[in-house]
Amino acid sequence: MNRWILDVGNTRAKWACFSAQAGVGGAPLFGVETAPAKDPSHAAAWLDKVAAKDVIMVTGSGDLDPWAAAFPQAWVLRPGDPIPLNTKVREQQTLGLDRVANVLAVLNGGIPNLDPQGSWMVVDAGTCVTVDVVHQGLHLGGTISPGIRMRLRSMSEGTARLPLPNLDTTTPSLNQPAAIGTCTEEALLAGACGGLSAELVGKWESLRQEVPNLGVVLTGGDVSHLELRDIRPKFADAHLTLKGYHALFTHAHPHP
């Protein structure tokens, strides 16, 4: 039996399959498939891959209703539902499920060679950039700030002449987050990517004063545009959020 997880984000929906016998550290069995978050028409093709004894979870930080309707047999985990997380956040029902998943993946051994009981700053660089701090098994809280694309779009939409660079098709000469720009497009990219990198490095250095031996865990589609060379120790896992959802799934359905 396999567990299928649909992670509906603000921009993309991700469809992944995990073995029910695998631990949280196990990677998806197959390649993760994606679709626009607002296009649940992909559900029909994805459902064809689900065996009779398999189970499905629909969850995420985006609009779940269209996808839940497309997967009527699925268990739907919504924001505000009970979560098995030891956290200092005052209103746990407001905590984003993607942030919960990232933290649980770290605390449940989702990354090989990482000490789950250590101190970690978990960074998810997506539409927004979330930072969550865990220390000795306790989630201390975190921050939310605009992602790189949101920063670029706000500069383009908020001015008369600034263009909107395409972050996905930048040439190697433009993909230099810490560099200054020698043209408008380069300057925008250096400001957005380099500014976010400096923000994260500064936050890590500040938090280390209160949380000694703080390491960083990175995930999210825009991690490759960040320049965090001076941070140690540092781990990256593209499937961190999905692994965390698998941990939540396992908690709710412990027996295959």
C-alpha atoms as a PDB file:
ATOM      1  CA  MET A   1       0.000   0.000   0.000  1.00  0.00           C
ATOM      2  CA  ASN A   2       1.185   3.497  -0.838  1.00  0.00           C
ATOM      3  CA  ARG A   3       0.339   6.941   0.491  1.00  0.00           C
ATOM      4  CA  TRP A   4      -0.349   9.621  -2.098  1.00  0.00           C
ATOM      5  CA  ILE A   5       0.032  13.243  -1.053  1.00  0.00           C
ATOM      6  CA  LEU A   6      -1.327  16.260  -2.860  1.00  0.00           C
ATOM      7  CA  ASP A   7       0.295  19.469  -1.613  1.00  0.00           C
ATOM      8  CA  VAL A   8      -1.693  22.467  -2.846  1.00  0.00           C
ATOM      9  CA  GLY A   9       0.356  25.643  -2.574  1.00  0.00           C
ATOM     10  CA  ASN A  10      -0.312  29.205  -3.617  1.00  0.00           C
ATOM     11  CA  THR A  11       1.207  28.675  -7.064  1.00  0.00           C
ATOM     12  CA  ARG A  12       1.679  24.948  -7.694  1.00  0.00           C
ATOM     13  CA  ALA A  13       0.097  21.678  -6.673  1.00  0.00           C
ATOM     14  CA  LYS A  14       2.504  18.791  -6.080  1.00  0.00           C
ATOM     15  CA  TRP A  15       1.545  15.134  -6.385  1.00  0.00           C
ATOM     16  CA  ALA A  16       3.825  12.574  -4.714  1.00  0.00           C
ATOM     17  CA  CYS A  17       3.744   8.940  -3.659  1.00  0.00           C
ATOM     18  CA  PHE A  18       5.382   7.469  -0.542  1.00  0.00           C
ATOM     19  CA  SER A  19       5.634   3.891   0.588  1.00  0.00           C
ATOM     20  CA  ALA A  20       3.495   3.244   3.663  1.00  0.00           C
ATOM     21  CA  GLN A  21       6.389   1.192   5.053  1.00  0.00           C
ATOM     22  CA  ALA A  22       8.998   3.906   4.573  1.00  0.00           C
ATOM     23  CA  GLY A  23      10.085   6.281   7.290  1.00  0.00           C
ATOM     24  CA  VAL A  24       9.830  10.040   7.029  1.00  0.00           C
ATOM     25  CA  GLY A  25      13.355  10.243   5.636  1.00  0.00           C
ATOM     26  CA  GLY A  26      12.388   8.245   2.569  1.00  0.00           C
ATOM     27  CA  ALA A  27      12.095  10.130  -0.705  1.00  0.00           C
ATOM     28  CA  PRO A  28       8.997   9.927  -2.915  1.00  0.00           C
ATOM     29  CA  LEU A  29       8.797   6.644  -4.814  1.00  0.00           C
ATOM     30  CA  PHE A  30       8.445   8.356  -8.173  1.00  0.00           C
ATOM     31  CA  GLY A  31       9.155  11.765  -9.603  1.00  0.00           C
ATOM     32  CA  VAL A  32       7.011  14.510  -8.081  1.00  0.00           C
ATOM     33  CA  GLU A  33       4.435  15.799 -10.570  1.00  0.00           C
ATOM     34  CA  THR A  34       3.226  19.389 -10.534  1.00  0.00           C
ATOM     35  CA  ALA A  35       0.324  21.405 -11.896  1.00  0.00           C
ATOM     36  CA  PRO A  36      -0.976  24.947 -11.503  1.00  0.00           C
ATOM     37  CA  ALA A  37      -2.652  25.240  -8.104  1.00  0.00           C
ATOM     38  CA  LYS A  38      -5.835  26.570  -9.719  1.00  0.00           C
ATOM     39  CA  ASP A  39      -6.160  23.739 -12.257  1.00  0.00           C
ATOM     40  CA  PRO A  40      -7.594  20.581 -10.622  1.00  0.00           C
ATOM     41  CA  SER A  41      -8.234  19.019 -14.050  1.00  0.00           C
ATOM     42  CA  HIS A  42      -4.959  17.111 -13.554  1.00  0.00           C
ATOM     43  CA  ALA A  43      -6.620  15.089 -10.800  1.00  0.00           C
ATOM     44  CA  ALA A  44      -8.212  12.609 -13.216  1.00  0.00           C
ATOM     45  CA  ALA A  45      -4.864  11.515 -14.680  1.00  0.00           C
ATOM     46  CA  TRP A  46      -3.277  11.329 -11.246  1.00  0.00           C
ATOM     47  CA  LEU A  47      -6.112   9.217  -9.876  1.00  0.00           C
ATOM     48  CA  ASP A  48      -5.444   6.573 -12.530  1.00  0.00           C
ATOM     49  CA  LYS A  49      -2.165   5.772 -10.755  1.00  0.00           C
ATOM     50  CA  VAL A  50      -3.785   5.090  -7.367  1.00  0.00           C
ATOM     51  CA  ALA A  51      -4.310   1.405  -6.485  1.00  0.00           C
ATOM     52  CA  ALA A  52      -7.424   0.196  -4.682  1.00  0.00           C
ATOM     53  CA  LYS A  53      -5.676  -0.127  -1.286  1.00  0.00           C
ATOM     54  CA  ASP A  54      -3.736   3.121  -1.536  1.00  0.00           C
ATOM     55  CA  VAL A  55      -4.711   6.149   0.533  1.00  0.00           C
ATOM     56  CA  ILE A  56      -4.664   9.829  -0.438  1.00  0.00           C
ATOM     57  CA  MET A  57      -4.171  13.034   1.532  1.00  0.00           C
ATOM     58  CA  VAL A  58      -5.032  16.486   0.194  1.00  0.00           C
ATOM     59  CA  THR A  59      -3.470  19.342   2.124  1.00  0.00           C
ATOM     60  CA  GLY A  60      -1.432  22.514   1.783  1.00  0.00           C
ATOM     61  CA  SER A  61      -1.516  26.266   2.176  1.00  0.00           C
ATOM     62  CA  GLY A  62      -3.560  26.997  -0.962  1.00  0.00           C
ATOM     63  CA  ASP A  63      -7.239  26.625  -1.907  1.00  0.00           C
ATOM     64  CA  LEU A  64      -8.007  22.993  -1.091  1.00  0.00           C
ATOM     65  CA  ASP A  65     -11.709  22.847  -1.991  1.00  0.00           C
ATOM     66  CA  PRO A  66     -11.449  22.253  -5.788  1.00  0.00           C
ATOM     67  CA  TRP A  67      -8.862  19.541  -5.278  1.00  0.00           C
ATOM     68  CA  ALA A  68     -10.746  17.923  -2.399  1.00  0.00           C
ATOM     69  CA  ALA A  69     -13.772  17.705  -4.670  1.00  0.00           C
ATOM     70  CA  ALA A  70     -11.627  16.030  -7.332  1.00  0.00           C
ATOM     71  CA  PHE A  71     -10.370  13.449  -4.792  1.00  0.00           C
ATOM     72  CA  PRO A  72     -13.581  12.567  -2.895  1.00  0.00           C
ATOM     73  CA  GLN A  73     -11.966   9.508  -1.258  1.00  0.00           C
ATOM     74  CA  ALA A  74      -9.049  11.518   0.173  1.00  0.00           C
ATOM     75  CA  TRP A  75      -8.362  12.538   3.752  1.00  0.00           C
ATOM     76  CA  VAL A  76      -8.239  16.333   3.727  1.00  0.00           C
ATOM     77  CA  LEU A  77      -5.993  18.074   6.246  1.00  0.00           C
ATOM     78  CA  ARG A  78      -6.999  21.723   6.499  1.00  0.00           C
ATOM     79  CA  PRO A  79      -5.476  24.711   8.276  1.00  0.00           C
ATOM     80  CA  GLY A  80      -6.746  24.741  11.859  1.00  0.00           C
ATOM     81  CA  ASP A  81      -7.016  20.955  12.151  1.00  0.00           C
ATOM     82  CA  PRO A  82      -5.182  19.399  15.127  1.00  0.00           C
ATOM     83  CA  ILE A  83      -1.454  18.908  14.540  1.00  0.00           C
ATOM     84  CA  PRO A  84       1.128  16.888  16.513  1.00  0.00           C
ATOM     85  CA  LEU A  85       3.586  19.744  16.936  1.00  0.00           C
ATOM     86  CA  ASN A  86       5.145  20.997  20.149  1.00  0.00           C
ATOM     87  CA  THR A  87       5.160  24.748  19.486  1.00  0.00           C
ATOM     88  CA  LYS A  88       5.259  28.060  21.308  1.00  0.00           C
ATOM     89  CA  VAL A  89       2.987  29.680  18.701  1.00  0.00           C
ATOM     90  CA  ARG A  90       0.044  31.109  20.633  1.00  0.00           C
ATOM     91  CA  GLU A  91      -2.670  30.412  18.063  1.00  0.00           C
ATOM     92  CA  GLN A  92      -1.703  27.074  16.575  1.00  0.00           C
ATOM     93  CA  GLN A  93      -4.746  27.001  14.280  1.00  0.00           C
ATOM     94  CA  THR A  94      -3.279  29.935  12.345  1.00  0.00           C
ATOM     95  CA  LEU A  95       0.062  28.228  11.705  1.00  0.00           C
ATOM     96  CA  GLY A  96       0.482  27.438   8.008  1.00  0.00           C
ATOM     97  CA  LEU A  97       0.449  23.724   7.264  1.00  0.00           C
ATOM     98  CA  ASP A  98       3.490  24.055   5.015  1.00  0.00           C
ATOM     99  CA  ARG A  99       5.435  25.471   7.955  1.00  0.00           C
ATOM    100  CA  VAL A 100       4.159  22.672  10.192  1.00  0.00           C
ATOM    101  CA  ALA A 101       5.237  20.096   7.621  1.00  0.00           C
ATOM    102  CA  ASN A 102       8.730  21.569   7.256  1.00  0.00           C
ATOM    103  CA  VAL A 103       9.291  21.519  11.010  1.00  0.00           C
ATOM    104  CA  LEU A 104       7.915  18.002  11.440  1.00  0.00           C
ATOM    105  CA  ALA A 105      10.141  16.715   8.656  1.00  0.00           C
ATOM    106  CA  VAL A 106      13.176  18.038  10.527  1.00  0.00           C
ATOM    107  CA  LEU A 107      12.004  16.794  13.935  1.00  0.00           C
ATOM    108  CA  ASN A 108      11.128  13.324  12.615  1.00  0.00           C
ATOM    109  CA  GLY A 109      14.440  12.560  10.922  1.00  0.00           C
ATOM    110  CA  GLY A 110      13.452  13.619   7.414  1.00  0.00           C
ATOM    111  CA  ILE A 111      17.024  14.584   6.523  1.00  0.00           C
ATOM    112  CA  PRO A 112      19.826  12.009   6.822  1.00  0.00           C
ATOM    113  CA  ASN A 113      22.757  13.019   9.059  1.00  0.00           C
ATOM    114  CA  LEU A 114      20.799  15.874  10.638  1.00  0.00           C
ATOM    115  CA  ASP A 115      20.258  15.806  14.409  1.00  0.00           C
ATOM    116  CA  PRO A 116      16.484  16.216  14.939  1.00  0.00           C
ATOM    117  CA  GLN A 117      17.087  17.414  18.501  1.00  0.00           C
ATOM    118  CA  GLY A 118      19.507  20.115  17.430  1.00  0.00           C
ATOM    119  CA  SER A 119      18.825  23.783  16.712  1.00  0.00           C
ATOM    120  CA  TRP A 120      17.659  24.643  13.201  1.00  0.00           C
ATOM    121  CA  MET A 121      16.437  27.609  11.195  1.00  0.00           C
ATOM    122  CA  VAL A 122      14.152  26.088   8.556  1.00  0.00           C
ATOM    123  CA  VAL A 123      13.883  28.280   5.442  1.00  0.00           C
ATOM    124  CA  ASP A 124      11.287  27.683   2.719  1.00  0.00           C
ATOM    125  CA  ALA A 125      11.907  29.978  -0.274  1.00  0.00           C
ATOM    126  CA  GLY A 126       8.709  30.020  -2.292  1.00  0.00           C
ATOM    127  CA  THR A 127       5.971  32.548  -3.039  1.00  0.00           C
ATOM    128  CA  CYS A 128       6.655  33.816   0.454  1.00  0.00           C
ATOM    129  CA  VAL A 129       9.774  33.011   2.436  1.00  0.00           C
ATOM    130  CA  THR A 130       9.051  31.342   5.751  1.00  0.00           C
ATOM    131  CA  VAL A 131      11.579  30.905   8.521  1.00  0.00           C
ATOM    132  CA  ASP A 132      10.885  28.581  11.444  1.00  0.00           C
ATOM    133  CA  VAL A 133      13.199  27.951  14.373  1.00  0.00           C
ATOM    134  CA  VAL A 134      13.303  24.658  16.263  1.00  0.00           C
ATOM    135  CA  HIS A 135      15.395  23.954  19.346  1.00  0.00           C
ATOM    136  CA  GLN A 136      15.617  20.604  21.121  1.00  0.00           C
ATOM    137  CA  GLY A 137      12.324  19.388  19.693  1.00  0.00           C
ATOM    138  CA  LEU A 138      10.396  22.613  20.336  1.00  0.00           C
ATOM    139  CA  HIS A 139       9.136  24.938  17.610  1.00  0.00           C
ATOM    140  CA  LEU A 140       9.901  28.456  18.813  1.00  0.00           C
ATOM    141  CA  GLY A 141       8.068  30.376  16.072  1.00  0.00           C
ATOM    142  CA  GLY A 142       9.163  32.090  12.878  1.00  0.00           C
ATOM    143  CA  THR A 143       8.799  34.806  10.284  1.00  0.00           C
ATOM    144  CA  ILE A 144       7.119  35.326   6.902  1.00  0.00           C
ATOM    145  CA  SER A 145       8.423  37.726   4.247  1.00  0.00           C
ATOM    146  CA  PRO A 146       7.967  38.283   0.488  1.00  0.00           C
ATOM    147  CA  GLY A 147       9.622  35.800  -1.842  1.00  0.00           C
ATOM    148  CA  ILE A 148      11.976  36.763  -4.664  1.00  0.00           C
ATOM    149  CA  ARG A 149       9.288  36.784  -7.361  1.00  0.00           C
ATOM    150  CA  MET A 150       6.950  38.821  -5.182  1.00  0.00           C
ATOM    151  CA  ARG A 151       9.724  41.376  -4.613  1.00  0.00           C
ATOM    152  CA  LEU A 152      10.414  41.626  -8.332  1.00  0.00           C
ATOM    153  CA  ARG A 153       6.721  41.896  -9.190  1.00  0.00           C
ATOM    154  CA  SER A 154       6.071  44.590  -6.585  1.00  0.00           C
ATOM    155  CA  MET A 155       8.880  46.731  -8.009  1.00  0.00           C
ATOM    156  CA  SER A 156       7.573  46.322 -11.551  1.00  0.00           C
ATOM    157  CA  GLU A 157       3.917  46.950 -10.675  1.00  0.00           C
ATOM    158  CA  GLY A 158       4.681  49.802  -8.287  1.00  0.00           C
ATOM    159  CA  THR A 159       6.713  51.863 -10.747  1.00  0.00           C
ATOM    160  CA  ALA A 160       6.247  53.250 -14.243  1.00  0.00           C
ATOM    161  CA  ARG A 161       9.427  52.011 -15.903  1.00  0.00           C
ATOM    162  CA  LEU A 162      10.960  49.084 -14.041  1.00  0.00           C
ATOM    163  CA  PRO A 163      10.660  45.781 -15.952  1.00  0.00           C
ATOM    164  CA  LEU A 164       9.822  42.367 -14.518  1.00  0.00           C
ATOM    165  CA  PRO A 165      12.819  40.035 -14.968  1.00  0.00           C
ATOM    166  CA  ASN A 166      12.113  36.370 -15.611  1.00  0.00           C
ATOM    167  CA  LEU A 167      13.800  34.587 -12.738  1.00  0.00           C
ATOM    168  CA  ASP A 168      13.539  31.207 -14.495  1.00  0.00           C
ATOM    169  CA  THR A 169      15.374  32.224 -17.654  1.00  0.00           C
ATOM    170  CA  THR A 170      18.115  34.456 -16.297  1.00  0.00           C
ATOM    171  CA  THR A 171      21.499  34.036 -17.926  1.00  0.00           C
ATOM    172  CA  PRO A 172      24.446  32.917 -15.750  1.00  0.00           C
ATOM    173  CA  SER A 173      25.731  36.490 -15.700  1.00  0.00           C
ATOM    174  CA  LEU A 174      22.467  37.625 -14.118  1.00  0.00           C
ATOM    175  CA  ASN A 175      22.220  34.762 -11.653  1.00  0.00           C
ATOM    176  CA  GLN A 176      24.634  36.374  -9.197  1.00  0.00           C
ATOM    177  CA  PRO A 177      22.566  37.091  -6.049  1.00  0.00           C
ATOM    178  CA  ALA A 178      25.360  38.869  -4.166  1.00  0.00           C
ATOM    179  CA  ALA A 179      26.540  40.968  -7.110  1.00  0.00           C
ATOM    180  CA  ILE A 180      25.631  44.518  -7.985  1.00  0.00           C
ATOM    181  CA  GLY A 181      23.984  45.104 -11.339  1.00  0.00           C
ATOM    182  CA  THR A 182      25.384  46.888 -14.374  1.00  0.00           C
ATOM    183  CA  CYS A 183      21.960  47.239 -16.034  1.00  0.00           C
ATOM    184  CA  THR A 184      18.408  47.654 -14.747  1.00  0.00           C
ATOM    185  CA  GLU A 185      17.514  43.957 -14.953  1.00  0.00           C
ATOM    186  CA  GLU A 186      20.705  42.934 -13.172  1.00  0.00           C
ATOM    187  CA  ALA A 187      20.106  45.572 -10.499  1.00  0.00           C
ATOM    188  CA  LEU A 188      16.575  44.284  -9.876  1.00  0.00           C
ATOM    189  CA  LEU A 189      17.778  40.701  -9.569  1.00  0.00           C
ATOM    190  CA  ALA A 190      20.702  41.681  -7.353  1.00  0.00           C
ATOM    191  CA  GLY A 191      18.348  43.674  -5.151  1.00  0.00           C
ATOM    192  CA  ALA A 192      15.725  40.946  -4.830  1.00  0.00           C
ATOM    193  CA  CYS A 193      17.997  37.890  -4.608  1.00  0.00           C
ATOM    194  CA  GLY A 194      20.890  39.531  -2.801  1.00  0.00           C
ATOM    195  CA  GLY A 195      18.578  41.420  -0.472  1.00  0.00           C
ATOM    196  CA  LEU A 196      16.790  38.242   0.582  1.00  0.00           C
ATOM    197  CA  SER A 197      20.098  36.417   1.009  1.00  0.00           C
ATOM    198  CA  ALA A 198      21.411  39.202   3.244  1.00  0.00           C
ATOM    199  CA  GLU A 199      18.153  39.166   5.207  1.00  0.00           C
ATOM    200  CA  LEU A 200      18.449  35.436   5.890  1.00  0.00           C
ATOM    201  CA  VAL A 201      22.147  35.596   6.796  1.00  0.00           C
ATOM    202  CA  GLY A 202      21.441  38.498   9.144  1.00  0.00           C
ATOM    203  CA  LYS A 203      18.561  36.651  10.771  1.00  0.00           C
ATOM    204  CA  TRP A 204      20.736  33.555  11.272  1.00  0.00           C
ATOM    205  CA  GLU A 205      23.548  35.602  12.812  1.00  0.00           C
ATOM    206  CA  SER A 206      21.106  37.372  15.133  1.00  0.00           C
ATOM    207  CA  LEU A 207      19.337  34.196  16.208  1.00  0.00           C
ATOM    208  CA  ARG A 208      22.647  32.484  16.960  1.00  0.00           C
ATOM    209  CA  GLN A 209      23.057  34.912  19.854  1.00  0.00           C
ATOM    210  CA  GLU A 210      19.993  33.332  21.497  1.00  0.00           C
ATOM    211  CA  VAL A 211      20.095  29.827  20.008  1.00  0.00           C
ATOM    212  CA  PRO A 212      23.693  28.533  19.974  1.00  0.00           C
ATOM    213  CA  ASN A 213      24.864  26.069  17.313  1.00  0.00           C
ATOM    214  CA  LEU A 214      22.025  27.081  15.012  1.00  0.00           C
ATOM    215  CA  GLY A 215      22.105  25.388  11.616  1.00  0.00           C
ATOM    216  CA  VAL A 216      19.983  26.049   8.552  1.00  0.00           C
ATOM    217  CA  VAL A 217      17.701  23.757   6.536  1.00  0.00           C
ATOM    218  CA  LEU A 218      16.689  24.969   3.079  1.00  0.00           C
ATOM    219  CA  THR A 219      13.788  24.027   0.832  1.00  0.00           C
ATOM    220  CA  GLY A 220      11.584  25.695  -1.769  1.00  0.00           C
ATOM    221  CA  GLY A 221      11.793  26.379  -5.477  1.00  0.00           C
ATOM    222  CA  ASP A 222      13.868  29.557  -5.246  1.00  0.00           C
ATOM    223  CA  VAL A 223      16.644  28.266  -2.981  1.00  0.00           C
ATOM    224  CA  SER A 224      19.063  28.101  -5.923  1.00  0.00           C
ATOM    225  CA  HIS A 225      18.888  31.899  -6.236  1.00  0.00           C
ATOM    226  CA  LEU A 226      20.098  32.473  -2.679  1.00  0.00           C
ATOM    227  CA  GLU A 227      23.705  33.069  -1.667  1.00  0.00           C
ATOM    228  CA  LEU A 228      24.198  31.652   1.834  1.00  0.00           C
ATOM    229  CA  ARG A 229      27.768  30.444   1.566  1.00  0.00           C
ATOM    230  CA  ASP A 230      28.873  31.578   5.026  1.00  0.00           C
ATOM    231  CA  ILE A 231      26.189  29.636   6.920  1.00  0.00           C
ATOM    232  CA  ARG A 232      27.304  26.387   8.577  1.00  0.00           C
ATOM    233  CA  PRO A 233      25.954  23.781   9.120  1.00  0.00           C
ATOM    234  CA  LYS A 234      23.554  23.825   6.213  1.00  0.00           C
ATOM    235  CA  PHE A 235      21.271  21.179   4.687  1.00  0.00           C
ATOM    236  CA  ALA A 236      18.968  21.344   1.668  1.00  0.00           C
ATOM    237  CA  ASP A 237      16.074  19.059   0.736  1.00  0.00           C
ATOM    238  CA  ALA A 238      13.718  19.776  -2.156  1.00  0.00           C
ATOM    239  CA  HIS A 239      11.137  17.336  -0.736  1.00  0.00           C
ATOM    240  CA  LEU A 240      11.178  18.607   2.856  1.00  0.00           C
ATOM    241  CA  THR A 241       7.552  19.809   2.892  1.00  0.00           C
ATOM    242  CA  LEU A 242       6.265  16.608   1.279  1.00  0.00           C
ATOM    243  CA  LYS A 243       8.204  14.547   3.826  1.00  0.00           C
ATOM    244  CA  GLY A 244       6.572  16.551   6.589  1.00  0.00           C
ATOM    245  CA  TYR A 245       3.128  15.894   5.151  1.00  0.00           C
ATOM    246  CA  HIS A 246       4.058  12.223   5.019  1.00  0.00           C
ATOM    247  CA  ALA A 247       4.871  12.443   8.733  1.00  0.00           C
ATOM    248  CA  LEU A 248       1.425  13.971   9.361  1.00  0.00           C
ATOM    249  CA  PHE A 249      -0.178  11.273   7.234  1.00  0.00           C
ATOM    250  CA  THR A 250       1.681   8.581   9.169  1.00  0.00           C
ATOM    251  CA  HIS A 251       0.532  10.119  12.462  1.00  0.00           C
ATOM    252  CA  ALA A 252      -3.103  10.039  11.335  1.00  0.00           C
ATOM    253  CA  HIS A 253      -2.861   6.586   9.677  1.00  0.00           C
ATOM    254  CA  PRO A 254      -0.104   4.751  11.580  1.00  0.00           C
ATOM    255  CA  HIS A 255      -0.969   1.282  10.296  1.00  0.00           C
ATOM    256  CA  PRO A 256      -0.517   0.522   6.570  1.00  0.00           C
END
